[in-house]
PDB file of all heavy atoms in Angstrom:
ATOM      1  N   SER A   1     186.406 213.456  28.599  1.00  0.00           N
ATOM      2  CA  SER A   1     186.067 212.788  29.848  1.00  0.00           C
ATOM      3  C   SER A   1     187.239 212.332  30.667  1.00  0.00           C
ATOM      4  O   SER A   1     187.094 211.925  31.795  1.00  0.00           O
ATOM      5  CB  SER A   1     185.114 211.546  29.510  1.00  0.00           C
ATOM      6  OG  SER A   1     185.816 210.543  28.905  1.00  0.00           O
ATOM      7  N   THR A   2     188.447 212.381  30.063  1.00  0.00           N
ATOM      8  CA  THR A   2     189.708 211.987  30.775  1.00  0.00           C
ATOM      9  C   THR A   2     190.453 213.215  31.272  1.00  0.00           C
ATOM     10  O   THR A   2     191.461 212.973  32.004  1.00  0.00           O
ATOM     11  CB  THR A   2     190.585 211.207  29.841  1.00  0.00           C
ATOM     12  OG1 THR A   2     191.159 212.049  28.816  1.00  0.00           O
ATOM     13  CG2 THR A   2     189.872 210.054  29.158  1.00  0.00           C
ATOM     14  N   TRP A   3     190.000 214.417  30.983  1.00  0.00           N
ATOM     15  CA  TRP A   3     190.738 215.600  31.411  1.00  0.00           C
ATOM     16  C   TRP A   3     190.153 216.104  32.744  1.00  0.00           C
ATOM     17  O   TRP A   3     188.903 216.203  32.916  1.00  0.00           O
ATOM     18  CB  TRP A   3     190.666 216.698  30.369  1.00  0.00           C
ATOM     19  CG  TRP A   3     191.281 216.408  29.028  1.00  0.00           C
ATOM     20  CD1 TRP A   3     192.233 215.488  28.804  1.00  0.00           C
ATOM     21  CD2 TRP A   3     190.887 216.929  27.799  1.00  0.00           C
ATOM     22  NE1 TRP A   3     192.526 215.464  27.470  1.00  0.00           N
ATOM     23  CE2 TRP A   3     191.705 216.353  26.796  1.00  0.00           C
ATOM     24  CE3 TRP A   3     189.945 217.867  27.398  1.00  0.00           C
ATOM     25  CZ2 TRP A   3     191.633 216.648  25.482  1.00  0.00           C
ATOM     26  CZ3 TRP A   3     189.833 218.208  26.018  1.00  0.00           C
ATOM     27  CH2 TRP A   3     190.689 217.586  25.072  1.00  0.00           C
ATOM     28  N   THR A   4     191.031 216.515  33.624  1.00  0.00           N
ATOM     29  CA  THR A   4     190.583 216.932  34.946  1.00  0.00           C
ATOM     30  C   THR A   4     189.583 218.183  34.818  1.00  0.00           C
ATOM     31  O   THR A   4     188.583 218.181  35.563  1.00  0.00           O
ATOM     32  CB  THR A   4     191.790 217.393  35.790  1.00  0.00           C
ATOM     33  OG1 THR A   4     192.653 216.279  35.935  1.00  0.00           O
ATOM     34  CG2 THR A   4     191.347 217.815  37.198  1.00  0.00           C
ATOM     35  N   TRP A   5     189.877 219.123  33.945  1.00  0.00           N
ATOM     36  CA  TRP A   5     189.039 220.328  33.904  1.00  0.00           C
ATOM     37  C   TRP A   5     187.698 220.109  33.342  1.00  0.00           C
ATOM     38  O   TRP A   5     186.737 220.846  33.579  1.00  0.00           O
ATOM     39  CB  TRP A   5     189.816 221.448  33.205  1.00  0.00           C
ATOM     40  CG  TRP A   5     190.086 221.224  31.737  1.00  0.00           C
ATOM     41  CD1 TRP A   5     191.203 220.719  31.179  1.00  0.00           C
ATOM     42  CD2 TRP A   5     189.207 221.551  30.680  1.00  0.00           C
ATOM     43  NE1 TRP A   5     191.134 220.677  29.813  1.00  0.00           N
ATOM     44  CE2 TRP A   5     189.908 221.241  29.462  1.00  0.00           C
ATOM     45  CE3 TRP A   5     187.958 222.128  30.508  1.00  0.00           C
ATOM     46  CZ2 TRP A   5     189.375 221.398  28.178  1.00  0.00           C
ATOM     47  CZ3 TRP A   5     187.388 222.307  29.280  1.00  0.00           C
ATOM     48  CH2 TRP A   5     188.114 221.941  28.123  1.00  0.00           C
ATOM     49  N   SER A   6     187.608 219.092  32.418  1.00  0.00           N
ATOM     50  CA  SER A   6     186.316 218.917  31.708  1.00  0.00           C
ATOM     51  C   SER A   6     185.501 217.719  32.135  1.00  0.00           C
ATOM     52  O   SER A   6     184.320 217.628  31.866  1.00  0.00           O
ATOM     53  CB  SER A   6     186.627 218.856  30.220  1.00  0.00           C
ATOM     54  OG  SER A   6     187.525 217.829  29.904  1.00  0.00           O
ATOM     55  N   ALA A   7     186.145 216.725  32.748  1.00  0.00           N
ATOM     56  CA  ALA A   7     185.484 215.466  33.137  1.00  0.00           C
ATOM     57  C   ALA A   7     184.229 215.659  33.928  1.00  0.00           C
ATOM     58  O   ALA A   7     183.201 214.998  33.658  1.00  0.00           O
ATOM     59  CB  ALA A   7     186.498 214.528  33.821  1.00  0.00           C
ATOM     60  N   PRO A   8     184.230 216.506  35.023  1.00  0.00           N
ATOM     61  CA  PRO A   8     183.004 216.643  35.776  1.00  0.00           C
ATOM     62  C   PRO A   8     181.817 217.162  34.957  1.00  0.00           C
ATOM     63  O   PRO A   8     180.739 216.711  35.069  1.00  0.00           O
ATOM     64  CB  PRO A   8     183.352 217.608  36.873  1.00  0.00           C
ATOM     65  CG  PRO A   8     184.870 217.446  37.050  1.00  0.00           C
ATOM     66  CD  PRO A   8     185.383 217.212  35.602  1.00  0.00           C
ATOM     67  N   GLY A   9     182.081 218.146  34.089  1.00  0.00           N
ATOM     68  CA  GLY A   9     181.009 218.710  33.239  1.00  0.00           C
ATOM     69  C   GLY A   9     180.502 217.709  32.235  1.00  0.00           C
ATOM     70  O   GLY A   9     179.314 217.609  31.985  1.00  0.00           O
ATOM     71  N   VAL A  10     181.403 216.912  31.623  1.00  0.00           N
ATOM     72  CA  VAL A  10     180.969 215.918  30.697  1.00  0.00           C
ATOM     73  C   VAL A  10     180.143 214.855  31.355  1.00  0.00           C
ATOM     74  O   VAL A  10     179.139 214.408  30.857  1.00  0.00           O
ATOM     75  CB  VAL A  10     182.231 215.327  29.970  1.00  0.00           C
ATOM     76  CG1 VAL A  10     181.835 214.091  29.164  1.00  0.00           C
ATOM     77  CG2 VAL A  10     182.937 216.321  29.122  1.00  0.00           C
ATOM     78  N   ALA A  11     180.543 214.484  32.568  1.00  0.00           N
ATOM     79  CA  ALA A  11     179.826 213.473  33.314  1.00  0.00           C
ATOM     80  C   ALA A  11     178.442 213.987  33.712  1.00  0.00           C
ATOM     81  O   ALA A  11     177.447 213.273  33.674  1.00  0.00           O
ATOM     82  CB  ALA A  11     180.640 213.076  34.579  1.00  0.00           C
ATOM     83  N   ALA A  12     178.343 215.247  34.159  1.00  0.00           N
ATOM     84  CA  ALA A  12     177.104 215.827  34.524  1.00  0.00           C
ATOM     85  C   ALA A  12     176.141 215.890  33.332  1.00  0.00           C
ATOM     86  O   ALA A  12     174.973 215.579  33.483  1.00  0.00           O
ATOM     87  CB  ALA A  12     177.296 217.299  35.072  1.00  0.00           C
ATOM     88  N   PHE A  13     176.670 216.233  32.196  1.00  0.00           N
ATOM     89  CA  PHE A  13     175.838 216.201  30.979  1.00  0.00           C
ATOM     90  C   PHE A  13     175.373 214.791  30.654  1.00  0.00           C
ATOM     91  O   PHE A  13     174.219 214.540  30.301  1.00  0.00           O
ATOM     92  CB  PHE A  13     176.568 216.823  29.784  1.00  0.00           C
ATOM     93  CG  PHE A  13     175.765 216.763  28.530  1.00  0.00           C
ATOM     94  CD1 PHE A  13     174.725 217.661  28.358  1.00  0.00           C
ATOM     95  CD2 PHE A  13     176.047 215.821  27.564  1.00  0.00           C
ATOM     96  CE1 PHE A  13     173.998 217.646  27.156  1.00  0.00           C
ATOM     97  CE2 PHE A  13     175.282 215.764  26.407  1.00  0.00           C
ATOM     98  CZ  PHE A  13     174.248 216.700  26.185  1.00  0.00           C
ATOM     99  N   GLY A  14     176.293 213.857  30.766  1.00  0.00           N
ATOM    100  CA  GLY A  14     175.974 212.460  30.410  1.00  0.00           C
ATOM    101  C   GLY A  14     174.879 211.876  31.333  1.00  0.00           C
ATOM    102  O   GLY A  14     174.058 211.081  30.871  1.00  0.00           O
ATOM    103  N   ARG A  15     174.796 212.380  32.558  1.00  0.00           N
ATOM    104  CA  ARG A  15     173.760 211.822  33.473  1.00  0.00           C
ATOM    105  C   ARG A  15     172.353 212.310  33.113  1.00  0.00           C
ATOM    106  O   ARG A  15     171.367 211.795  33.633  1.00  0.00           O
ATOM    107  CB  ARG A  15     174.097 212.258  34.915  1.00  0.00           C
ATOM    108  CG  ARG A  15     175.271 211.536  35.500  1.00  0.00           C
ATOM    109  CD  ARG A  15     175.335 211.733  37.013  1.00  0.00           C
ATOM    110  NE  ARG A  15     175.708 213.115  37.337  1.00  0.00           N
ATOM    111  CZ  ARG A  15     176.959 213.564  37.512  1.00  0.00           C
ATOM    112  NH1 ARG A  15     177.975 212.734  37.326  1.00  0.00           N
ATOM    113  NH2 ARG A  15     177.170 214.808  37.851  1.00  0.00           N
ATOM    114  N   THR A  16     172.258 213.279  32.231  1.00  0.00           N
ATOM    115  CA  THR A  16     170.986 213.815  31.827  1.00  0.00           C
ATOM    116  C   THR A  16     170.396 213.073  30.646  1.00  0.00           C
ATOM    117  O   THR A  16     169.294 213.310  30.210  1.00  0.00           O
ATOM    118  CB  THR A  16     171.021 215.297  31.513  1.00  0.00           C
ATOM    119  OG1 THR A  16     171.809 215.532  30.303  1.00  0.00           O
ATOM    120  CG2 THR A  16     171.651 216.097  32.676  1.00  0.00           C
ATOM    121  N   ALA A  17     171.195 212.188  30.066  1.00  0.00           N
ATOM    122  CA  ALA A  17     170.721 211.422  28.916  1.00  0.00           C
ATOM    123  C   ALA A  17     169.594 210.505  29.318  1.00  0.00           C
ATOM    124  O   ALA A  17     169.568 210.016  30.438  1.00  0.00           O
ATOM    125  CB  ALA A  17     171.846 210.608  28.324  1.00  0.00           C
ATOM    126  N   PRO A  18     168.591 210.325  28.433  1.00  0.00           N
ATOM    127  CA  PRO A  18     167.486 209.386  28.785  1.00  0.00           C
ATOM    128  C   PRO A  18     167.961 207.994  28.945  1.00  0.00           C
ATOM    129  O   PRO A  18     169.011 207.612  28.427  1.00  0.00           O
ATOM    130  CB  PRO A  18     166.553 209.478  27.576  1.00  0.00           C
ATOM    131  CG  PRO A  18     167.461 209.975  26.422  1.00  0.00           C
ATOM    132  CD  PRO A  18     168.510 210.869  27.078  1.00  0.00           C
ATOM    133  N   PRO A  19     167.279 207.193  29.783  1.00  0.00           N
ATOM    134  CA  PRO A  19     167.719 205.807  30.032  1.00  0.00           C
ATOM    135  C   PRO A  19     167.851 205.039  28.712  1.00  0.00           C
ATOM    136  O   PRO A  19     166.969 205.083  27.845  1.00  0.00           O
ATOM    137  CB  PRO A  19     166.590 205.238  30.923  1.00  0.00           C
ATOM    138  CG  PRO A  19     166.004 206.424  31.538  1.00  0.00           C
ATOM    139  CD  PRO A  19     166.098 207.560  30.535  1.00  0.00           C
ATOM    140  N   GLY A  20     168.993 204.395  28.537  1.00  0.00           N
ATOM    141  CA  GLY A  20     169.243 203.647  27.329  1.00  0.00           C
ATOM    142  C   GLY A  20     169.679 204.471  26.158  1.00  0.00           C
ATOM    143  O   GLY A  20     170.008 203.959  25.110  1.00  0.00           O
ATOM    144  N   GLY A  21     169.712 205.835  26.349  1.00  0.00           N
ATOM    145  CA  GLY A  21     170.101 206.711  25.255  1.00  0.00           C
ATOM    146  C   GLY A  21     171.605 206.785  25.141  1.00  0.00           C
ATOM    147  O   GLY A  21     172.343 206.371  26.024  1.00  0.00           O
ATOM    148  N   ASP A  22     172.057 207.327  23.978  1.00  0.00           N
ATOM    149  CA  ASP A  22     173.494 207.420  23.767  1.00  0.00           C
ATOM    150  C   ASP A  22     173.986 208.720  24.534  1.00  0.00           C
ATOM    151  O   ASP A  22     173.197 209.559  24.961  1.00  0.00           O
ATOM    152  CB  ASP A  22     173.870 207.483  22.327  1.00  0.00           C
ATOM    153  CG  ASP A  22     173.185 208.623  21.579  1.00  0.00           C
ATOM    154  OD1 ASP A  22     172.392 209.364  22.239  1.00  0.00           O
ATOM    155  OD2 ASP A  22     173.419 208.758  20.387  1.00  0.00           O
ATOM    156  N   ARG A  23     175.310 208.788  24.631  1.00  0.00           N
ATOM    157  CA  ARG A  23     175.875 210.013  25.231  1.00  0.00           C
ATOM    158  C   ARG A  23     175.848 211.087  24.242  1.00  0.00           C
ATOM    159  O   ARG A  23     176.363 211.020  23.128  1.00  0.00           O
ATOM    160  CB  ARG A  23     177.333 209.736  25.645  1.00  0.00           C
ATOM    161  CG  ARG A  23     177.997 210.934  26.297  1.00  0.00           C
ATOM    162  CD  ARG A  23     179.394 210.583  26.802  1.00  0.00           C
ATOM    163  NE  ARG A  23     180.208 210.072  25.737  1.00  0.00           N
ATOM    164  CZ  ARG A  23     181.336 209.380  25.920  1.00  0.00           C
ATOM    165  NH1 ARG A  23     181.793 209.248  27.129  1.00  0.00           N
ATOM    166  NH2 ARG A  23     182.037 209.031  24.900  1.00  0.00           N
ATOM    167  N   ARG A  24     175.177 212.193  24.567  1.00  0.00           N
ATOM    168  CA  ARG A  24     175.063 213.308  23.627  1.00  0.00           C
ATOM    169  C   ARG A  24     175.679 214.588  24.246  1.00  0.00           C
ATOM    170  O   ARG A  24     175.739 214.697  25.492  1.00  0.00           O
ATOM    171  CB  ARG A  24     173.589 213.536  23.294  1.00  0.00           C
ATOM    172  CG  ARG A  24     173.039 212.328  22.463  1.00  0.00           C
ATOM    173  CD  ARG A  24     171.654 212.641  21.976  1.00  0.00           C
ATOM    174  NE  ARG A  24     170.662 212.676  23.055  1.00  0.00           N
ATOM    175  CZ  ARG A  24     169.377 213.061  22.879  1.00  0.00           C
ATOM    176  NH1 ARG A  24     168.962 213.444  21.730  1.00  0.00           N
ATOM    177  NH2 ARG A  24     168.543 213.117  23.880  1.00  0.00           N
ATOM    178  N   PRO A  25     176.015 215.579  23.446  1.00  0.00           N
ATOM    179  CA  PRO A  25     175.891 215.591  22.003  1.00  0.00           C
ATOM    180  C   PRO A  25     176.956 214.783  21.310  1.00  0.00           C
ATOM    181  O   PRO A  25     178.064 214.677  21.822  1.00  0.00           O
ATOM    182  CB  PRO A  25     176.024 217.054  21.677  1.00  0.00           C
ATOM    183  CG  PRO A  25     176.976 217.581  22.717  1.00  0.00           C
ATOM    184  CD  PRO A  25     176.612 216.818  23.986  1.00  0.00           C
ATOM    185  N   CYS A  26     176.650 214.268  20.179  1.00  0.00           N
ATOM    186  CA  CYS A  26     177.646 213.505  19.418  1.00  0.00           C
ATOM    187  C   CYS A  26     178.279 214.331  18.315  1.00  0.00           C
ATOM    188  O   CYS A  26     179.392 214.057  17.931  1.00  0.00           O
ATOM    189  CB  CYS A  26     176.992 212.240  18.796  1.00  0.00           C
ATOM    190  SG  CYS A  26     176.701 210.974  20.042  1.00  0.00           S
ATOM    191  N   HIS A  27     177.547 215.312  17.786  1.00  0.00           N
ATOM    192  CA  HIS A  27     178.106 216.108  16.716  1.00  0.00           C
ATOM    193  C   HIS A  27     179.215 216.973  17.258  1.00  0.00           C
ATOM    194  O   HIS A  27     179.212 217.511  18.366  1.00  0.00           O
ATOM    195  CB  HIS A  27     177.062 216.973  16.031  1.00  0.00           C
ATOM    196  CG  HIS A  27     176.159 216.247  15.130  1.00  0.00           C
ATOM    197  ND1 HIS A  27     176.520 215.779  13.882  1.00  0.00           N
ATOM    198  CD2 HIS A  27     174.881 215.771  15.294  1.00  0.00           C
ATOM    199  CE1 HIS A  27     175.562 215.123  13.297  1.00  0.00           C
ATOM    200  NE2 HIS A  27     174.530 215.100  14.156  1.00  0.00           N
ATOM    201  N   HIS A  28     180.237 217.183  16.381  1.00  0.00           N
ATOM    202  CA  HIS A  28     181.422 217.889  16.788  1.00  0.00           C
ATOM    203  C   HIS A  28     181.102 219.326  17.228  1.00  0.00           C
ATOM    204  O   HIS A  28     181.595 219.804  18.297  1.00  0.00           O
ATOM    205  CB  HIS A  28     182.415 217.927  15.620  1.00  0.00           C
ATOM    206  CG  HIS A  28     183.752 218.518  15.977  1.00  0.00           C
ATOM    207  ND1 HIS A  28     184.532 219.135  14.999  1.00  0.00           N
ATOM    208  CD2 HIS A  28     184.442 218.594  17.143  1.00  0.00           C
ATOM    209  CE1 HIS A  28     185.674 219.532  15.609  1.00  0.00           C
ATOM    210  NE2 HIS A  28     185.629 219.213  16.878  1.00  0.00           N
ATOM    211  N   ALA A  29     180.242 220.040  16.520  1.00  0.00           N
ATOM    212  CA  ALA A  29     179.986 221.437  16.873  1.00  0.00           C
ATOM    213  C   ALA A  29     179.292 221.554  18.216  1.00  0.00           C
ATOM    214  O   ALA A  29     179.657 222.458  19.026  1.00  0.00           O
ATOM    215  CB  ALA A  29     179.106 222.072  15.808  1.00  0.00           C
ATOM    216  N   ALA A  30     178.328 220.665  18.503  1.00  0.00           N
ATOM    217  CA  ALA A  30     177.634 220.737  19.787  1.00  0.00           C
ATOM    218  C   ALA A  30     178.567 220.353  20.905  1.00  0.00           C
ATOM    219  O   ALA A  30     178.582 220.927  22.005  1.00  0.00           O
ATOM    220  CB  ALA A  30     176.439 219.829  19.751  1.00  0.00           C
ATOM    221  N   ALA A  31     179.363 219.340  20.734  1.00  0.00           N
ATOM    222  CA  ALA A  31     180.334 218.885  21.743  1.00  0.00           C
ATOM    223  C   ALA A  31     181.374 219.993  21.966  1.00  0.00           C
ATOM    224  O   ALA A  31     181.767 220.251  23.137  1.00  0.00           O
ATOM    225  CB  ALA A  31     181.055 217.580  21.307  1.00  0.00           C
TER     226      ALA A  31
END
């Protein structure tokens, strides 16, 4: 989330998390 090339995509994915949900995916393979 701190890298220029990946931050927008990580943020876009994070915005799809359900309200009150954690930031997913958390597992290394999915991330």
